[in-house]
Amino acid sequence: MEKWKCSLCGYIFDTAVGIQEDGIVPETSFEQLPSDWTCPLCGAPKSAFDRE
């Protein structure tokens, strides 16, 4: 599985875990997130994330 890190706040999106409280189930790839998805901590867009 992949991890993606927000370049603004350091939040890690782990595809193996998802984000249960936002309805993003485990094993959801970063590419499958909606285009308007934002970092749950700082609100940064997907473009601010880099693969770990």
PDB file of N, CA and C in Angstrom:
ATOM      1  N   MET A   1       0.836  -1.182   0.000  1.00  0.00           N
ATOM      2  CA  MET A   1       0.000   0.000   0.000  1.00  0.00           C
ATOM      3  C   MET A   1       0.882   1.247   0.000  1.00  0.00           C
ATOM      4  N   GLU A   2       0.284   2.355  -0.363  1.00  0.00           N
ATOM      5  CA  GLU A   2       1.015   3.606  -0.481  1.00  0.00           C
ATOM      6  C   GLU A   2       0.654   4.566   0.640  1.00  0.00           C
ATOM      7  N   LYS A   3       1.589   5.481   0.898  1.00  0.00           N
ATOM      8  CA  LYS A   3       1.343   6.583   1.825  1.00  0.00           C
ATOM      9  C   LYS A   3       1.642   7.877   1.075  1.00  0.00           C
ATOM     10  N   TRP A   4       0.798   8.869   1.303  1.00  0.00           N
ATOM     11  CA  TRP A   4       0.942  10.176   0.681  1.00  0.00           C
ATOM     12  C   TRP A   4       1.014  11.224   1.792  1.00  0.00           C
ATOM     13  N   LYS A   5       1.954  12.166   1.677  1.00  0.00           N
ATOM     14  CA  LYS A   5       2.187  13.156   2.723  1.00  0.00           C
ATOM     15  C   LYS A   5       1.845  14.557   2.234  1.00  0.00           C
ATOM     16  N   CYS A   6       1.100  15.288   3.045  1.00  0.00           N
ATOM     17  CA  CYS A   6       0.772  16.676   2.745  1.00  0.00           C
ATOM     18  C   CYS A   6       2.034  17.517   2.935  1.00  0.00           C
ATOM     19  N   SER A   7       2.403  18.257   1.907  1.00  0.00           N
ATOM     20  CA  SER A   7       3.620  19.070   1.978  1.00  0.00           C
ATOM     21  C   SER A   7       3.435  20.316   2.841  1.00  0.00           C
ATOM     22  N   LEU A   8       2.200  20.626   3.201  1.00  0.00           N
ATOM     23  CA  LEU A   8       1.963  21.807   4.033  1.00  0.00           C
ATOM     24  C   LEU A   8       1.956  21.497   5.528  1.00  0.00           C
ATOM     25  N   CYS A   9       1.284  20.407   5.918  1.00  0.00           N
ATOM     26  CA  CYS A   9       1.152  20.134   7.356  1.00  0.00           C
ATOM     27  C   CYS A   9       1.754  18.802   7.800  1.00  0.00           C
ATOM     28  N   GLY A  10       2.113  17.953   6.837  1.00  0.00           N
ATOM     29  CA  GLY A  10       2.716  16.667   7.195  1.00  0.00           C
ATOM     30  C   GLY A  10       1.738  15.531   7.402  1.00  0.00           C
ATOM     31  N   TYR A  11       0.443  15.778   7.206  1.00  0.00           N
ATOM     32  CA  TYR A  11      -0.566  14.717   7.354  1.00  0.00           C
ATOM     33  C   TYR A  11      -0.234  13.573   6.390  1.00  0.00           C
ATOM     34  N   ILE A  12      -0.374  12.344   6.871  1.00  0.00           N
ATOM     35  CA  ILE A  12      -0.125  11.162   6.048  1.00  0.00           C
ATOM     36  C   ILE A  12      -1.449  10.487   5.707  1.00  0.00           C
ATOM     37  N   PHE A  13      -1.712  10.337   4.404  1.00  0.00           N
ATOM     38  CA  PHE A  13      -2.855   9.530   3.957  1.00  0.00           C
ATOM     39  C   PHE A  13      -2.304   8.156   3.630  1.00  0.00           C
ATOM     40  N   ASP A  14      -2.723   7.170   4.392  1.00  0.00           N
ATOM     41  CA  ASP A  14      -2.279   5.785   4.218  1.00  0.00           C
ATOM     42  C   ASP A  14      -3.386   5.017   3.503  1.00  0.00           C
ATOM     43  N   THR A  15      -3.104   4.557   2.282  1.00  0.00           N
ATOM     44  CA  THR A  15      -4.134   3.875   1.506  1.00  0.00           C
ATOM     45  C   THR A  15      -4.599   2.589   2.175  1.00  0.00           C
ATOM     46  N   ALA A  16      -3.752   1.970   2.986  1.00  0.00           N
ATOM     47  CA  ALA A  16      -4.127   0.735   3.672  1.00  0.00           C
ATOM     48  C   ALA A  16      -5.164   0.981   4.762  1.00  0.00           C
ATOM     49  N   VAL A  17      -5.209   2.202   5.274  1.00  0.00           N
ATOM     50  CA  VAL A  17      -6.092   2.535   6.393  1.00  0.00           C
ATOM     51  C   VAL A  17      -7.334   3.294   5.948  1.00  0.00           C
ATOM     52  N   GLY A  18      -7.171   4.193   4.967  1.00  0.00           N
ATOM     53  CA  GLY A  18      -8.278   5.054   4.562  1.00  0.00           C
ATOM     54  C   GLY A  18      -8.533   6.124   5.605  1.00  0.00           C
ATOM     55  N   ILE A  19      -9.699   6.723   5.550  1.00  0.00           N
ATOM     56  CA  ILE A  19     -10.108   7.720   6.546  1.00  0.00           C
ATOM     57  C   ILE A  19     -11.553   7.393   6.907  1.00  0.00           C
ATOM     58  N   GLN A  20     -11.705   6.527   7.874  1.00  0.00           N
ATOM     59  CA  GLN A  20     -13.025   5.999   8.231  1.00  0.00           C
ATOM     60  C   GLN A  20     -14.042   7.099   8.511  1.00  0.00           C
ATOM     61  N   GLU A  21     -13.645   8.133   9.253  1.00  0.00           N
ATOM     62  CA  GLU A  21     -14.589   9.183   9.632  1.00  0.00           C
ATOM     63  C   GLU A  21     -15.085  10.001   8.436  1.00  0.00           C
ATOM     64  N   ASP A  22     -14.380   9.927   7.308  1.00  0.00           N
ATOM     65  CA  ASP A  22     -14.804  10.607   6.080  1.00  0.00           C
ATOM     66  C   ASP A  22     -15.398   9.637   5.060  1.00  0.00           C
ATOM     67  N   GLY A  23     -15.580   8.375   5.458  1.00  0.00           N
ATOM     68  CA  GLY A  23     -16.169   7.389   4.565  1.00  0.00           C
ATOM     69  C   GLY A  23     -15.217   6.856   3.508  1.00  0.00           C
ATOM     70  N   ILE A  24     -13.909   7.071   3.700  1.00  0.00           N
ATOM     71  CA  ILE A  24     -12.912   6.558   2.755  1.00  0.00           C
ATOM     72  C   ILE A  24     -12.409   5.236   3.313  1.00  0.00           C
ATOM     73  N   VAL A  25     -12.811   4.160   2.660  1.00  0.00           N
ATOM     74  CA  VAL A  25     -12.534   2.822   3.160  1.00  0.00           C
ATOM     75  C   VAL A  25     -11.072   2.435   2.943  1.00  0.00           C
ATOM     76  N   PRO A  26     -10.566   1.498   3.755  1.00  0.00           N
ATOM     77  CA  PRO A  26      -9.203   0.997   3.549  1.00  0.00           C
ATOM     78  C   PRO A  26      -9.014   0.485   2.122  1.00  0.00           C
ATOM     79  N   GLU A  27      -7.801   0.607   1.638  1.00  0.00           N
ATOM     80  CA  GLU A  27      -7.389   0.188   0.301  1.00  0.00           C
ATOM     81  C   GLU A  27      -7.953   1.091  -0.805  1.00  0.00           C
ATOM     82  N   THR A  28      -8.355   2.310  -0.444  1.00  0.00           N
ATOM     83  CA  THR A  28      -8.730   3.309  -1.441  1.00  0.00           C
ATOM     84  C   THR A  28      -7.446   3.969  -1.913  1.00  0.00           C
ATOM     85  N   SER A  29      -7.193   3.913  -3.212  1.00  0.00           N
ATOM     86  CA  SER A  29      -5.964   4.528  -3.722  1.00  0.00           C
ATOM     87  C   SER A  29      -6.098   6.050  -3.703  1.00  0.00           C
ATOM     88  N   PHE A  30      -4.971   6.734  -3.691  1.00  0.00           N
ATOM     89  CA  PHE A  30      -4.965   8.184  -3.710  1.00  0.00           C
ATOM     90  C   PHE A  30      -5.667   8.707  -4.963  1.00  0.00           C
ATOM     91  N   GLU A  31      -5.459   8.015  -6.065  1.00  0.00           N
ATOM     92  CA  GLU A  31      -6.083   8.414  -7.326  1.00  0.00           C
ATOM     93  C   GLU A  31      -7.606   8.301  -7.288  1.00  0.00           C
ATOM     94  N   GLN A  32      -8.131   7.418  -6.451  1.00  0.00           N
ATOM     95  CA  GLN A  32      -9.581   7.231  -6.338  1.00  0.00           C
ATOM     96  C   GLN A  32     -10.258   8.315  -5.505  1.00  0.00           C
ATOM     97  N   LEU A  33      -9.484   9.086  -4.764  1.00  0.00           N
ATOM     98  CA  LEU A  33     -10.087  10.165  -3.982  1.00  0.00           C
ATOM     99  C   LEU A  33     -10.688  11.189  -4.941  1.00  0.00           C
ATOM    100  N   PRO A  34     -11.795  11.814  -4.565  1.00  0.00           N
ATOM    101  CA  PRO A  34     -12.408  12.812  -5.450  1.00  0.00           C
ATOM    102  C   PRO A  34     -11.420  13.933  -5.782  1.00  0.00           C
ATOM    103  N   SER A  35     -11.557  14.532  -6.951  1.00  0.00           N
ATOM    104  CA  SER A  35     -10.628  15.591  -7.369  1.00  0.00           C
ATOM    105  C   SER A  35     -10.678  16.799  -6.440  1.00  0.00           C
ATOM    106  N   ASP A  36     -11.806  16.996  -5.756  1.00  0.00           N
ATOM    107  CA  ASP A  36     -11.918  18.129  -4.836  1.00  0.00           C
ATOM    108  C   ASP A  36     -11.606  17.755  -3.380  1.00  0.00           C
ATOM    109  N   TRP A  37     -11.074  16.544  -3.175  1.00  0.00           N
ATOM    110  CA  TRP A  37     -10.687  16.114  -1.833  1.00  0.00           C
ATOM    111  C   TRP A  37      -9.580  17.023  -1.309  1.00  0.00           C
ATOM    112  N   THR A  38      -9.626  17.331  -0.025  1.00  0.00           N
ATOM    113  CA  THR A  38      -8.598  18.157   0.592  1.00  0.00           C
ATOM    114  C   THR A  38      -8.068  17.489   1.854  1.00  0.00           C
ATOM    115  N   CYS A  39      -6.906  17.922   2.278  1.00  0.00           N
ATOM    116  CA  CYS A  39      -6.287  17.397   3.495  1.00  0.00           C
ATOM    117  C   CYS A  39      -7.241  17.614   4.669  1.00  0.00           C
ATOM    118  N   PRO A  40      -7.508  16.559   5.445  1.00  0.00           N
ATOM    119  CA  PRO A  40      -8.440  16.710   6.569  1.00  0.00           C
ATOM    120  C   PRO A  40      -7.898  17.586   7.697  1.00  0.00           C
ATOM    121  N   LEU A  41      -6.601  17.857   7.719  1.00  0.00           N
ATOM    122  CA  LEU A  41      -6.039  18.700   8.780  1.00  0.00           C
ATOM    123  C   LEU A  41      -5.937  20.170   8.384  1.00  0.00           C
ATOM    124  N   CYS A  42      -5.414  20.441   7.170  1.00  0.00           N
ATOM    125  CA  CYS A  42      -5.161  21.837   6.814  1.00  0.00           C
ATOM    126  C   CYS A  42      -5.945  22.328   5.608  1.00  0.00           C
ATOM    127  N   GLY A  43      -6.648  21.427   4.910  1.00  0.00           N
ATOM    128  CA  GLY A  43      -7.449  21.838   3.769  1.00  0.00           C
ATOM    129  C   GLY A  43      -6.685  21.975   2.461  1.00  0.00           C
ATOM    130  N   ALA A  44      -5.427  21.516   2.434  1.00  0.00           N
ATOM    131  CA  ALA A  44      -4.631  21.598   1.213  1.00  0.00           C
ATOM    132  C   ALA A  44      -5.225  20.696   0.131  1.00  0.00           C
ATOM    133  N   PRO A  45      -5.089  21.081  -1.139  1.00  0.00           N
ATOM    134  CA  PRO A  45      -5.609  20.250  -2.231  1.00  0.00           C
ATOM    135  C   PRO A  45      -4.750  19.007  -2.448  1.00  0.00           C
ATOM    136  N   LYS A  46      -5.269  18.060  -3.226  1.00  0.00           N
ATOM    137  CA  LYS A  46      -4.525  16.830  -3.540  1.00  0.00           C
ATOM    138  C   LYS A  46      -3.152  17.130  -4.136  1.00  0.00           C
ATOM    139  N   SER A  47      -3.048  18.208  -4.883  1.00  0.00           N
ATOM    140  CA  SER A  47      -1.784  18.552  -5.540  1.00  0.00           C
ATOM    141  C   SER A  47      -0.668  18.857  -4.551  1.00  0.00           C
ATOM    142  N   ALA A  48      -1.018  19.097  -3.290  1.00  0.00           N
ATOM    143  CA  ALA A  48      -0.016  19.398  -2.254  1.00  0.00           C
ATOM    144  C   ALA A  48       0.560  18.119  -1.635  1.00  0.00           C
ATOM    145  N   PHE A  49       0.092  16.941  -2.077  1.00  0.00           N
ATOM    146  CA  PHE A  49       0.539  15.680  -1.518  1.00  0.00           C
ATOM    147  C   PHE A  49       1.625  15.039  -2.395  1.00  0.00           C
ATOM    148  N   ASP A  50       2.584  14.430  -1.718  1.00  0.00           N
ATOM    149  CA  ASP A  50       3.668  13.708  -2.398  1.00  0.00           C
ATOM    150  C   ASP A  50       3.681  12.274  -1.889  1.00  0.00           C
ATOM    151  N   ARG A  51       3.991  11.347  -2.789  1.00  0.00           N
ATOM    152  CA  ARG A  51       4.080   9.930  -2.394  1.00  0.00           C
ATOM    153  C   ARG A  51       5.279   9.761  -1.468  1.00  0.00           C
ATOM    154  N   GLU A  52       5.055   9.024  -0.409  1.00  0.00           N
ATOM    155  CA  GLU A  52       6.123   8.729   0.554  1.00  0.00           C
ATOM    156  C   GLU A  52       6.992   7.611   0.069  1.00  0.00           C
TER     157      GLU A  52
END
